[in-house]
Structures are given as structure tokens and as C-alpha cells.
């Protein structure tokens, strides 16, 4: 079975986006509408992951999110990896915000 993957530029506007990076990465810069559940907390927080529609999973470059998307698909969620991660998101000019009061960046 091949893991569904999409380029950051093709993630539909307003689609459920799950950011699985660590807190310091999240605070530096993230998509405005993303949900944040660090990869290390996902198993205990899986009930917070939306159901009923594809969820797009993102990390910094796509490795952690690929692992998370594969696991989510195994447990019955419809998950798609965002290839290139937040680096591709930022490079594509997609919107970002930070929690630090500083301009957002990919940490």
C-alpha cells in the first residue's frame, strides 16, 4: 500500500491540517488553521484527530509526517502526508503565523 502524499501547494484551503512537530518548531511558525499534536503525543491524543474527511499531516520536511500519516491510516483515519513539510509550505508562500511575536519561520 502506497502512502497518500500531496505537495504543500496542493493542500486545499481550509482543509484539516495536523502539525506533528515539537512545540519549539510550532511556536516559530505554523499554518494559521493547523491543529498541533506533537508526534510524541499522538498515540495518547488520537481521539483529537478529526474524522470523516482527509486530514493532511505536516512536519518540517515530510519524514515525521509520513510516519504519522501511515500510522493514522492503519488505525482507521484518512491521512495524507504533506511532502516537503513546512519548508515547502513556506517556500510556496502559504500563510504562516508564529506564537513568539516575531515573524514566522520554519524551525
PDB file of N, CA and C in Angstrom:
ATOM      1  N   UNK A   1       0.839  -1.179   0.000  1.00  0.00           N
ATOM      2  CA  UNK A   1       0.000   0.000   0.000  1.00  0.00           C
ATOM      3  C   UNK A   1       0.884   1.243   0.000  1.00  0.00           C
ATOM      4  N   UNK A   2       0.609   2.154  -0.901  1.00  0.00           N
ATOM      5  CA  UNK A   2       1.370   3.389  -1.004  1.00  0.00           C
ATOM      6  C   UNK A   2       0.709   4.459  -0.141  1.00  0.00           C
ATOM      7  N   UNK A   3       1.526   5.184   0.594  1.00  0.00           N
ATOM      8  CA  UNK A   3       1.025   6.257   1.448  1.00  0.00           C
ATOM      9  C   UNK A   3       0.587   7.434   0.589  1.00  0.00           C
ATOM     10  N   UNK A   4      -0.645   7.914   0.774  1.00  0.00           N
ATOM     11  CA  UNK A   4      -1.065   9.113   0.046  1.00  0.00           C
ATOM     12  C   UNK A   4      -0.186  10.305   0.432  1.00  0.00           C
ATOM     13  N   UNK A   5       0.270  11.039  -0.578  1.00  0.00           N
ATOM     14  CA  UNK A   5       1.104  12.212  -0.329  1.00  0.00           C
ATOM     15  C   UNK A   5       0.685  13.317  -1.289  1.00  0.00           C
ATOM     16  N   UNK A   6       0.789  14.549  -0.810  1.00  0.00           N
ATOM     17  CA  UNK A   6       0.424  15.715  -1.605  1.00  0.00           C
ATOM     18  C   UNK A   6       1.476  16.789  -1.370  1.00  0.00           C
ATOM     19  N   UNK A   7       1.711  17.602  -2.376  1.00  0.00           N
ATOM     20  CA  UNK A   7       2.626  18.725  -2.224  1.00  0.00           C
ATOM     21  C   UNK A   7       1.948  19.806  -1.384  1.00  0.00           C
ATOM     22  N   UNK A   8       2.739  20.541  -0.624  1.00  0.00           N
ATOM     23  CA  UNK A   8       2.195  21.585   0.250  1.00  0.00           C
ATOM     24  C   UNK A   8       1.352  22.595  -0.523  1.00  0.00           C
ATOM     25  N   UNK A   9       1.720  22.880  -1.757  1.00  0.00           N
ATOM     26  CA  UNK A   9       0.978  23.866  -2.549  1.00  0.00           C
ATOM     27  C   UNK A   9      -0.408  23.366  -2.948  1.00  0.00           C
ATOM     28  N   UNK A  10      -0.635  22.055  -2.856  1.00  0.00           N
ATOM     29  CA  UNK A  10      -1.908  21.472  -3.283  1.00  0.00           C
ATOM     30  C   UNK A  10      -2.856  21.163  -2.130  1.00  0.00           C
ATOM     31  N   UNK A  11      -2.444  21.441  -0.888  1.00  0.00           N
ATOM     32  CA  UNK A  11      -3.343  21.218   0.245  1.00  0.00           C
ATOM     33  C   UNK A  11      -4.521  22.176   0.087  1.00  0.00           C
ATOM     34  N   UNK A  12      -5.747  21.644   0.062  1.00  0.00           N
ATOM     35  CA  UNK A  12      -6.903  22.522  -0.122  1.00  0.00           C
ATOM     36  C   UNK A  12      -7.018  23.573   0.983  1.00  0.00           C
ATOM     37  N   UNK A  13      -7.397  24.776   0.601  1.00  0.00           N
ATOM     38  CA  UNK A  13      -7.596  25.874   1.552  1.00  0.00           C
ATOM     39  C   UNK A  13      -8.597  25.454   2.631  1.00  0.00           C
ATOM     40  N   UNK A  14      -8.218  25.612   3.885  1.00  0.00           N
ATOM     41  CA  UNK A  14      -9.110  25.301   4.999  1.00  0.00           C
ATOM     42  C   UNK A  14      -9.224  23.832   5.340  1.00  0.00           C
ATOM     43  N   UNK A  15      -8.501  22.955   4.628  1.00  0.00           N
ATOM     44  CA  UNK A  15      -8.563  21.522   4.920  1.00  0.00           C
ATOM     45  C   UNK A  15      -7.943  21.250   6.294  1.00  0.00           C
ATOM     46  N   UNK A  16      -8.395  20.210   6.980  1.00  0.00           N
ATOM     47  CA  UNK A  16      -7.799  19.870   8.267  1.00  0.00           C
ATOM     48  C   UNK A  16      -6.300  19.590   8.103  1.00  0.00           C
ATOM     49  N   UNK A  17      -5.483  20.310   8.857  1.00  0.00           N
ATOM     50  CA  UNK A  17      -4.035  20.194   8.785  1.00  0.00           C
ATOM     51  C   UNK A  17      -3.518  19.870  10.174  1.00  0.00           C
ATOM     52  N   UNK A  18      -2.812  18.765  10.311  1.00  0.00           N
ATOM     53  CA  UNK A  18      -2.264  18.321  11.587  1.00  0.00           C
ATOM     54  C   UNK A  18      -0.758  18.505  11.567  1.00  0.00           C
ATOM     55  N   UNK A  19      -0.263  19.379  12.417  1.00  0.00           N
ATOM     56  CA  UNK A  19       1.169  19.657  12.522  1.00  0.00           C
ATOM     57  C   UNK A  19       1.721  18.807  13.656  1.00  0.00           C
ATOM     58  N   UNK A  20       2.690  17.936  13.341  1.00  0.00           N
ATOM     59  CA  UNK A  20       3.201  16.985  14.329  1.00  0.00           C
ATOM     60  C   UNK A  20       4.605  17.338  14.825  1.00  0.00           C
ATOM     61  N   UNK A  21       5.043  18.571  14.587  1.00  0.00           N
ATOM     62  CA  UNK A  21       6.362  18.995  15.047  1.00  0.00           C
ATOM     63  C   UNK A  21       6.356  19.263  16.551  1.00  0.00           C
ATOM     64  N   UNK A  22       7.533  19.443  17.096  1.00  0.00           N
ATOM     65  CA  UNK A  22       7.662  19.724  18.524  1.00  0.00           C
ATOM     66  C   UNK A  22       7.258  21.173  18.815  1.00  0.00           C
ATOM     67  N   UNK A  23       7.014  21.466  20.085  1.00  0.00           N
ATOM     68  CA  UNK A  23       6.471  22.767  20.490  1.00  0.00           C
ATOM     69  C   UNK A  23       7.341  23.939  20.028  1.00  0.00           C
ATOM     70  N   UNK A  24       8.679  23.830  20.134  1.00  0.00           N
ATOM     71  CA  UNK A  24       9.528  24.949  19.720  1.00  0.00           C
ATOM     72  C   UNK A  24       9.413  25.212  18.221  1.00  0.00           C
ATOM     73  N   UNK A  25       9.261  24.154  17.430  1.00  0.00           N
ATOM     74  CA  UNK A  25       9.083  24.309  15.987  1.00  0.00           C
ATOM     75  C   UNK A  25       7.738  24.978  15.688  1.00  0.00           C
ATOM     76  N   UNK A  26       6.709  24.539  16.376  1.00  0.00           N
ATOM     77  CA  UNK A  26       5.363  25.092  16.217  1.00  0.00           C
ATOM     78  C   UNK A  26       5.345  26.582  16.538  1.00  0.00           C
ATOM     79  N   UNK A  27       5.938  26.942  17.676  1.00  0.00           N
ATOM     80  CA  UNK A  27       5.922  28.349  18.098  1.00  0.00           C
ATOM     81  C   UNK A  27       6.622  29.259  17.092  1.00  0.00           C
ATOM     82  N   UNK A  28       7.668  28.765  16.445  1.00  0.00           N
ATOM     83  CA  UNK A  28       8.428  29.578  15.484  1.00  0.00           C
ATOM     84  C   UNK A  28       7.596  29.934  14.257  1.00  0.00           C
ATOM     85  N   UNK A  29       6.764  29.005  13.805  1.00  0.00           N
ATOM     86  CA  UNK A  29       5.938  29.277  12.636  1.00  0.00           C
ATOM     87  C   UNK A  29       5.098  28.082  12.243  1.00  0.00           C
ATOM     88  N   UNK A  30       3.821  28.330  11.990  1.00  0.00           N
ATOM     89  CA  UNK A  30       2.902  27.263  11.591  1.00  0.00           C
ATOM     90  C   UNK A  30       1.774  27.838  10.753  1.00  0.00           C
ATOM     91  N   UNK A  31       1.046  26.962  10.098  1.00  0.00           N
ATOM     92  CA  UNK A  31      -0.119  27.386   9.323  1.00  0.00           C
ATOM     93  C   UNK A  31      -1.180  27.898  10.294  1.00  0.00           C
ATOM     94  N   UNK A  32      -1.866  28.986   9.944  1.00  0.00           N
ATOM     95  CA  UNK A  32      -2.823  29.597  10.870  1.00  0.00           C
ATOM     96  C   UNK A  32      -3.933  28.666  11.350  1.00  0.00           C
ATOM     97  N   UNK A  33      -4.390  27.777  10.507  1.00  0.00           N
ATOM     98  CA  UNK A  33      -5.522  26.924  10.872  1.00  0.00           C
ATOM     99  C   UNK A  33      -5.112  25.518  11.313  1.00  0.00           C
ATOM    100  N   UNK A  34      -3.820  25.258  11.426  1.00  0.00           N
ATOM    101  CA  UNK A  34      -3.351  23.908  11.764  1.00  0.00           C
ATOM    102  C   UNK A  34      -3.687  23.526  13.200  1.00  0.00           C
ATOM    103  N   UNK A  35      -3.861  22.235  13.398  1.00  0.00           N
ATOM    104  CA  UNK A  35      -4.006  21.655  14.727  1.00  0.00           C
ATOM    105  C   UNK A  35      -2.631  21.129  15.119  1.00  0.00           C
ATOM    106  N   UNK A  36      -2.216  21.334  16.350  1.00  0.00           N
ATOM    107  CA  UNK A  36      -0.896  20.902  16.779  1.00  0.00           C
ATOM    108  C   UNK A  36      -1.003  19.743  17.760  1.00  0.00           C
ATOM    109  N   UNK A  37      -0.471  18.599  17.349  1.00  0.00           N
ATOM    110  CA  UNK A  37      -0.284  17.454  18.240  1.00  0.00           C
ATOM    111  C   UNK A  37       1.106  16.911  17.924  1.00  0.00           C
ATOM    112  N   UNK A  38       2.083  17.142  18.804  1.00  0.00           N
ATOM    113  CA  UNK A  38       3.425  16.623  18.532  1.00  0.00           C
ATOM    114  C   UNK A  38       3.396  15.109  18.315  1.00  0.00           C
ATOM    115  N   UNK A  39       4.256  14.640  17.439  1.00  0.00           N
ATOM    116  CA  UNK A  39       4.330  13.215  17.135  1.00  0.00           C
ATOM    117  C   UNK A  39       4.444  12.381  18.405  1.00  0.00           C
ATOM    118  N   UNK A  40       5.210  12.861  19.371  1.00  0.00           N
ATOM    119  CA  UNK A  40       5.435  12.109  20.613  1.00  0.00           C
ATOM    120  C   UNK A  40       4.172  11.976  21.468  1.00  0.00           C
ATOM    121  N   UNK A  41       3.151  12.786  21.191  1.00  0.00           N
ATOM    122  CA  UNK A  41       1.916  12.745  21.967  1.00  0.00           C
ATOM    123  C   UNK A  41       0.743  12.136  21.206  1.00  0.00           C
ATOM    124  N   UNK A  42       0.961  11.767  19.959  1.00  0.00           N
ATOM    125  CA  UNK A  42      -0.149  11.396  19.092  1.00  0.00           C
ATOM    126  C   UNK A  42      -0.932  10.182  19.578  1.00  0.00           C
ATOM    127  N   UNK A  43      -0.250   9.135  20.007  1.00  0.00           N
ATOM    128  CA  UNK A  43      -0.980   7.935  20.413  1.00  0.00           C
ATOM    129  C   UNK A  43      -1.940   8.218  21.557  1.00  0.00           C
ATOM    130  N   UNK A  44      -1.534   9.049  22.505  1.00  0.00           N
ATOM    131  CA  UNK A  44      -2.415   9.340  23.636  1.00  0.00           C
ATOM    132  C   UNK A  44      -3.479  10.383  23.290  1.00  0.00           C
ATOM    133  N   UNK A  45      -3.317  11.078  22.161  1.00  0.00           N
ATOM    134  CA  UNK A  45      -4.254  12.144  21.791  1.00  0.00           C
ATOM    135  C   UNK A  45      -4.982  11.872  20.466  1.00  0.00           C
ATOM    136  N   UNK A  46      -4.943  10.639  19.992  1.00  0.00           N
ATOM    137  CA  UNK A  46      -5.503  10.320  18.678  1.00  0.00           C
ATOM    138  C   UNK A  46      -6.988  10.670  18.577  1.00  0.00           C
ATOM    139  N   UNK A  47      -7.716  10.648  19.684  1.00  0.00           N
ATOM    140  CA  UNK A  47      -9.136  10.996  19.636  1.00  0.00           C
ATOM    141  C   UNK A  47      -9.366  12.457  19.258  1.00  0.00           C
ATOM    142  N   UNK A  48      -8.319  13.296  19.331  1.00  0.00           N
ATOM    143  CA  UNK A  48      -8.429  14.701  18.939  1.00  0.00           C
ATOM    144  C   UNK A  48      -8.293  14.903  17.423  1.00  0.00           C
ATOM    145  N   UNK A  49      -7.867  13.858  16.727  1.00  0.00           N
ATOM    146  CA  UNK A  49      -7.679  13.946  15.272  1.00  0.00           C
ATOM    147  C   UNK A  49      -9.046  13.855  14.594  1.00  0.00           C
ATOM    148  N   UNK A  50      -9.387  14.850  13.773  1.00  0.00           N
ATOM    149  CA  UNK A  50     -10.697  14.843  13.114  1.00  0.00           C
ATOM    150  C   UNK A  50     -10.911  13.588  12.269  1.00  0.00           C
ATOM    151  N   UNK A  51     -12.163  13.165  12.196  1.00  0.00           N
ATOM    152  CA  UNK A  51     -12.546  12.016  11.385  1.00  0.00           C
ATOM    153  C   UNK A  51     -13.559  12.461  10.341  1.00  0.00           C
ATOM    154  N   UNK A  52     -13.743  11.629   9.334  1.00  0.00           N
ATOM    155  CA  UNK A  52     -14.783  11.881   8.345  1.00  0.00           C
ATOM    156  C   UNK A  52     -14.318  12.593   7.088  1.00  0.00           C
ATOM    157  N   UNK A  53     -13.114  13.098   7.093  1.00  0.00           N
ATOM    158  CA  UNK A  53     -12.553  13.770   5.912  1.00  0.00           C
ATOM    159  C   UNK A  53     -11.042  13.563   5.955  1.00  0.00           C
ATOM    160  N   UNK A  54     -10.380  13.667   4.812  1.00  0.00           N
ATOM    161  CA  UNK A  54      -8.920  13.534   4.840  1.00  0.00           C
ATOM    162  C   UNK A  54      -8.292  14.589   5.744  1.00  0.00           C
ATOM    163  N   UNK A  55      -7.294  14.160   6.502  1.00  0.00           N
ATOM    164  CA  UNK A  55      -6.504  15.091   7.307  1.00  0.00           C
ATOM    165  C   UNK A  55      -5.103  15.111   6.718  1.00  0.00           C
ATOM    166  N   UNK A  56      -4.577  16.300   6.538  1.00  0.00           N
ATOM    167  CA  UNK A  56      -3.257  16.483   5.949  1.00  0.00           C
ATOM    168  C   UNK A  56      -2.259  16.636   7.087  1.00  0.00           C
ATOM    169  N   UNK A  57      -1.215  15.789   7.073  1.00  0.00           N
ATOM    170  CA  UNK A  57      -0.248  15.737   8.168  1.00  0.00           C
ATOM    171  C   UNK A  57       1.054  16.381   7.702  1.00  0.00           C
ATOM    172  N   UNK A  58       1.568  17.303   8.529  1.00  0.00           N
ATOM    173  CA  UNK A  58       2.748  18.074   8.141  1.00  0.00           C
ATOM    174  C   UNK A  58       3.764  18.107   9.272  1.00  0.00           C
ATOM    175  N   UNK A  59       5.045  18.129   8.906  1.00  0.00           N
ATOM    176  CA  UNK A  59       6.148  18.327   9.856  1.00  0.00           C
ATOM    177  C   UNK A  59       7.110  19.317   9.202  1.00  0.00           C
ATOM    178  N   UNK A  60       8.380  19.223   9.481  1.00  0.00           N
ATOM    179  CA  UNK A  60       9.331  20.168   8.891  1.00  0.00           C
ATOM    180  C   UNK A  60       9.618  19.863   7.422  1.00  0.00           C
ATOM    181  N   UNK A  61       9.983  18.593   7.117  1.00  0.00           N
ATOM    182  CA  UNK A  61      10.318  18.261   5.725  1.00  0.00           C
ATOM    183  C   UNK A  61       9.547  17.073   5.163  1.00  0.00           C
ATOM    184  N   UNK A  62       8.778  16.387   5.992  1.00  0.00           N
ATOM    185  CA  UNK A  62       7.937  15.303   5.491  1.00  0.00           C
ATOM    186  C   UNK A  62       8.224  13.921   6.034  1.00  0.00           C
ATOM    187  N   UNK A  63       9.279  13.747   6.813  1.00  0.00           N
ATOM    188  CA  UNK A  63       9.606  12.421   7.342  1.00  0.00           C
ATOM    189  C   UNK A  63       8.728  11.995   8.501  1.00  0.00           C
ATOM    190  N   UNK A  64       8.642  12.830   9.516  1.00  0.00           N
ATOM    191  CA  UNK A  64       7.796  12.503  10.678  1.00  0.00           C
ATOM    192  C   UNK A  64       6.333  12.422  10.259  1.00  0.00           C
ATOM    193  N   UNK A  65       5.922  13.357   9.411  1.00  0.00           N
ATOM    194  CA  UNK A  65       4.517  13.351   8.993  1.00  0.00           C
ATOM    195  C   UNK A  65       4.178  12.108   8.176  1.00  0.00           C
ATOM    196  N   UNK A  66       5.129  11.583   7.419  1.00  0.00           N
ATOM    197  CA  UNK A  66       4.887  10.339   6.673  1.00  0.00           C
ATOM    198  C   UNK A  66       4.655   9.183   7.640  1.00  0.00           C
ATOM    199  N   UNK A  67       5.443   9.127   8.707  1.00  0.00           N
ATOM    200  CA  UNK A  67       5.263   8.070   9.714  1.00  0.00           C
ATOM    201  C   UNK A  67       3.910   8.208  10.402  1.00  0.00           C
ATOM    202  N   UNK A  68       3.552   9.434  10.763  1.00  0.00           N
ATOM    203  CA  UNK A  68       2.273   9.679  11.434  1.00  0.00           C
ATOM    204  C   UNK A  68       1.109   9.360  10.503  1.00  0.00           C
ATOM    205  N   UNK A  69       1.175   9.803   9.259  1.00  0.00           N
ATOM    206  CA  UNK A  69       0.090   9.539   8.311  1.00  0.00           C
ATOM    207  C   UNK A  69      -0.095   8.040   8.107  1.00  0.00           C
ATOM    208  N   UNK A  70       1.008   7.299   8.002  1.00  0.00           N
ATOM    209  CA  UNK A  70       0.912   5.845   7.847  1.00  0.00           C
ATOM    210  C   UNK A  70       0.231   5.224   9.062  1.00  0.00           C
ATOM    211  N   UNK A  71       0.622   5.651  10.253  1.00  0.00           N
ATOM    212  CA  UNK A  71       0.015   5.115  11.475  1.00  0.00           C
ATOM    213  C   UNK A  71      -1.471   5.476  11.549  1.00  0.00           C
ATOM    214  N   UNK A  72      -1.805   6.733  11.253  1.00  0.00           N
ATOM    215  CA  UNK A  72      -3.209   7.145  11.287  1.00  0.00           C
ATOM    216  C   UNK A  72      -4.053   6.319  10.316  1.00  0.00           C
ATOM    217  N   UNK A  73      -3.522   6.053   9.131  1.00  0.00           N
ATOM    218  CA  UNK A  73      -4.251   5.223   8.173  1.00  0.00           C
ATOM    219  C   UNK A  73      -4.442   3.806   8.702  1.00  0.00           C
ATOM    220  N   UNK A  74      -3.432   3.275   9.398  1.00  0.00           N
ATOM    221  CA  UNK A  74      -3.556   1.935   9.980  1.00  0.00           C
ATOM    222  C   UNK A  74      -4.625   1.873  11.065  1.00  0.00           C
ATOM    223  N   UNK A  75      -4.861   2.980  11.774  1.00  0.00           N
ATOM    224  CA  UNK A  75      -5.865   2.973  12.845  1.00  0.00           C
ATOM    225  C   UNK A  75      -7.213   3.521  12.365  1.00  0.00           C
ATOM    226  N   UNK A  76      -7.388   3.633  11.056  1.00  0.00           N
ATOM    227  CA  UNK A  76      -8.697   3.948  10.512  1.00  0.00           C
ATOM    228  C   UNK A  76      -8.969   5.390  10.141  1.00  0.00           C
ATOM    229  N   UNK A  77      -7.968   6.248  10.204  1.00  0.00           N
ATOM    230  CA  UNK A  77      -8.160   7.637   9.771  1.00  0.00           C
ATOM    231  C   UNK A  77      -7.774   7.758   8.302  1.00  0.00           C
ATOM    232  N   UNK A  78      -8.248   8.802   7.660  1.00  0.00           N
ATOM    233  CA  UNK A  78      -7.914   9.087   6.271  1.00  0.00           C
ATOM    234  C   UNK A  78      -6.857  10.185   6.292  1.00  0.00           C
ATOM    235  N   UNK A  79      -5.577   9.797   6.287  1.00  0.00           N
ATOM    236  CA  UNK A  79      -4.473  10.744   6.442  1.00  0.00           C
ATOM    237  C   UNK A  79      -3.630  10.812   5.178  1.00  0.00           C
ATOM    238  N   UNK A  80      -3.189  12.036   4.870  1.00  0.00           N
ATOM    239  CA  UNK A  80      -2.361  12.299   3.695  1.00  0.00           C
ATOM    240  C   UNK A  80      -1.111  13.033   4.161  1.00  0.00           C
ATOM    241  N   UNK A  81       0.055  12.548   3.764  1.00  0.00           N
ATOM    242  CA  UNK A  81       1.314  13.218   4.108  1.00  0.00           C
ATOM    243  C   UNK A  81       1.505  14.445   3.222  1.00  0.00           C
ATOM    244  N   UNK A  82       1.967  15.540   3.840  1.00  0.00           N
ATOM    245  CA  UNK A  82       2.302  16.741   3.080  1.00  0.00           C
ATOM    246  C   UNK A  82       3.797  16.682   2.762  1.00  0.00           C
ATOM    247  N   UNK A  83       4.118  16.309   1.537  1.00  0.00           N
ATOM    248  CA  UNK A  83       5.505  16.177   1.114  1.00  0.00           C
ATOM    249  C   UNK A  83       6.229  17.518   1.156  1.00  0.00           C
ATOM    250  N   UNK A  84       7.447  17.495   1.672  1.00  0.00           N
ATOM    251  CA  UNK A  84       8.232  18.719   1.779  1.00  0.00           C
ATOM    252  C   UNK A  84       7.951  19.502   3.042  1.00  0.00           C
ATOM    253  N   UNK A  85       6.869  19.161   3.736  1.00  0.00           N
ATOM    254  CA  UNK A  85       6.554  19.740   5.035  1.00  0.00           C
ATOM    255  C   UNK A  85       6.437  21.257   5.049  1.00  0.00           C
ATOM    256  N   UNK A  86       6.705  21.816   6.231  1.00  0.00           N
ATOM    257  CA  UNK A  86       6.605  23.265   6.411  1.00  0.00           C
ATOM    258  C   UNK A  86       7.640  24.014   5.579  1.00  0.00           C
ATOM    259  N   UNK A  87       8.750  23.371   5.247  1.00  0.00           N
ATOM    260  CA  UNK A  87       9.718  24.038   4.377  1.00  0.00           C
ATOM    261  C   UNK A  87       9.091  24.306   3.014  1.00  0.00           C
ATOM    262  N   UNK A  88       8.377  23.319   2.468  1.00  0.00           N
ATOM    263  CA  UNK A  88       7.693  23.510   1.183  1.00  0.00           C
ATOM    264  C   UNK A  88       6.523  24.475   1.339  1.00  0.00           C
ATOM    265  N   UNK A  89       5.843  24.400   2.480  1.00  0.00           N
ATOM    266  CA  UNK A  89       4.715  25.302   2.757  1.00  0.00           C
ATOM    267  C   UNK A  89       5.195  26.761   2.698  1.00  0.00           C
ATOM    268  N   UNK A  90       6.271  27.045   3.422  1.00  0.00           N
ATOM    269  CA  UNK A  90       6.818  28.408   3.464  1.00  0.00           C
ATOM    270  C   UNK A  90       7.358  28.824   2.097  1.00  0.00           C
ATOM    271  N   UNK A  91       8.079  27.929   1.436  1.00  0.00           N
ATOM    272  CA  UNK A  91       8.654  28.244   0.126  1.00  0.00           C
ATOM    273  C   UNK A  91       7.572  28.543  -0.899  1.00  0.00           C
ATOM    274  N   UNK A  92       6.398  27.917  -0.713  1.00  0.00           N
ATOM    275  CA  UNK A  92       5.290  28.144  -1.624  1.00  0.00           C
ATOM    276  C   UNK A  92       4.470  29.384  -1.305  1.00  0.00           C
ATOM    277  N   UNK A  93       4.894  30.118  -0.277  1.00  0.00           N
ATOM    278  CA  UNK A  93       4.187  31.346   0.070  1.00  0.00           C
ATOM    279  C   UNK A  93       2.875  31.132   0.791  1.00  0.00           C
ATOM    280  N   UNK A  94       2.659  29.929   1.319  1.00  0.00           N
ATOM    281  CA  UNK A  94       1.425  29.675   2.079  1.00  0.00           C
ATOM    282  C   UNK A  94       1.478  30.463   3.385  1.00  0.00           C
ATOM    283  N   UNK A  95       0.324  30.843   3.952  1.00  0.00           N
ATOM    284  CA  UNK A  95       0.317  31.681   5.151  1.00  0.00           C
ATOM    285  C   UNK A  95       0.909  30.980   6.372  1.00  0.00           C
ATOM    286  N   UNK A  96       1.611  31.773   7.186  1.00  0.00           N
ATOM    287  CA  UNK A  96       2.206  31.276   8.425  1.00  0.00           C
ATOM    288  C   UNK A  96       2.050  32.341   9.505  1.00  0.00           C
ATOM    289  N   UNK A  97       1.963  31.875  10.739  1.00  0.00           N
ATOM    290  CA  UNK A  97       1.968  32.746  11.907  1.00  0.00           C
ATOM    291  C   UNK A  97       2.940  32.162  12.925  1.00  0.00           C
ATOM    292  N   UNK A  98       3.333  32.968  13.904  1.00  0.00           N
ATOM    293  CA  UNK A  98       4.182  32.457  14.983  1.00  0.00           C
ATOM    294  C   UNK A  98       3.499  32.744  16.313  1.00  0.00           C
ATOM    295  N   UNK A  99       3.947  32.063  17.341  1.00  0.00           N
ATOM    296  CA  UNK A  99       3.437  32.280  18.699  1.00  0.00           C
ATOM    297  C   UNK A  99       4.425  33.093  19.524  1.00  0.00           C
ATOM    298  N   UNK A 100       5.453  33.656  18.869  1.00  0.00           N
ATOM    299  CA  UNK A 100       6.525  34.329  19.599  1.00  0.00           C
ATOM    300  C   UNK A 100       6.452  35.848  19.517  1.00  0.00           C
ATOM    301  N   UNK A 101       5.587  36.378  18.670  1.00  0.00           N
ATOM    302  CA  UNK A 101       5.564  37.814  18.443  1.00  0.00           C
ATOM    303  C   UNK A 101       6.564  38.245  17.383  1.00  0.00           C
ATOM    304  N   UNK A 102       7.371  37.324  16.899  1.00  0.00           N
ATOM    305  CA  UNK A 102       8.357  37.575  15.851  1.00  0.00           C
ATOM    306  C   UNK A 102       7.802  37.075  14.514  1.00  0.00           C
ATOM    307  N   UNK A 103       8.392  37.505  13.393  1.00  0.00           N
ATOM    308  CA  UNK A 103       7.951  36.969  12.104  1.00  0.00           C
ATOM    309  C   UNK A 103       8.099  35.436  12.085  1.00  0.00           C
ATOM    310  N   UNK A 104       7.131  34.739  11.484  1.00  0.00           N
ATOM    311  CA  UNK A 104       7.194  33.275  11.462  1.00  0.00           C
ATOM    312  C   UNK A 104       8.319  32.769  10.580  1.00  0.00           C
ATOM    313  N   UNK A 105       8.869  31.629  10.966  1.00  0.00           N
ATOM    314  CA  UNK A 105       9.871  30.933  10.162  1.00  0.00           C
ATOM    315  C   UNK A 105       9.786  29.460  10.474  1.00  0.00           C
ATOM    316  N   UNK A 106      10.367  28.635   9.613  1.00  0.00           N
ATOM    317  CA  UNK A 106      10.375  27.197   9.823  1.00  0.00           C
ATOM    318  C   UNK A 106      11.584  26.837  10.648  1.00  0.00           C
ATOM    319  N   UNK A 107      11.346  26.325  11.845  1.00  0.00           N
ATOM    320  CA  UNK A 107      12.435  25.947  12.752  1.00  0.00           C
ATOM    321  C   UNK A 107      12.700  24.453  12.645  1.00  0.00           C
TER     322      UNK A 107
END
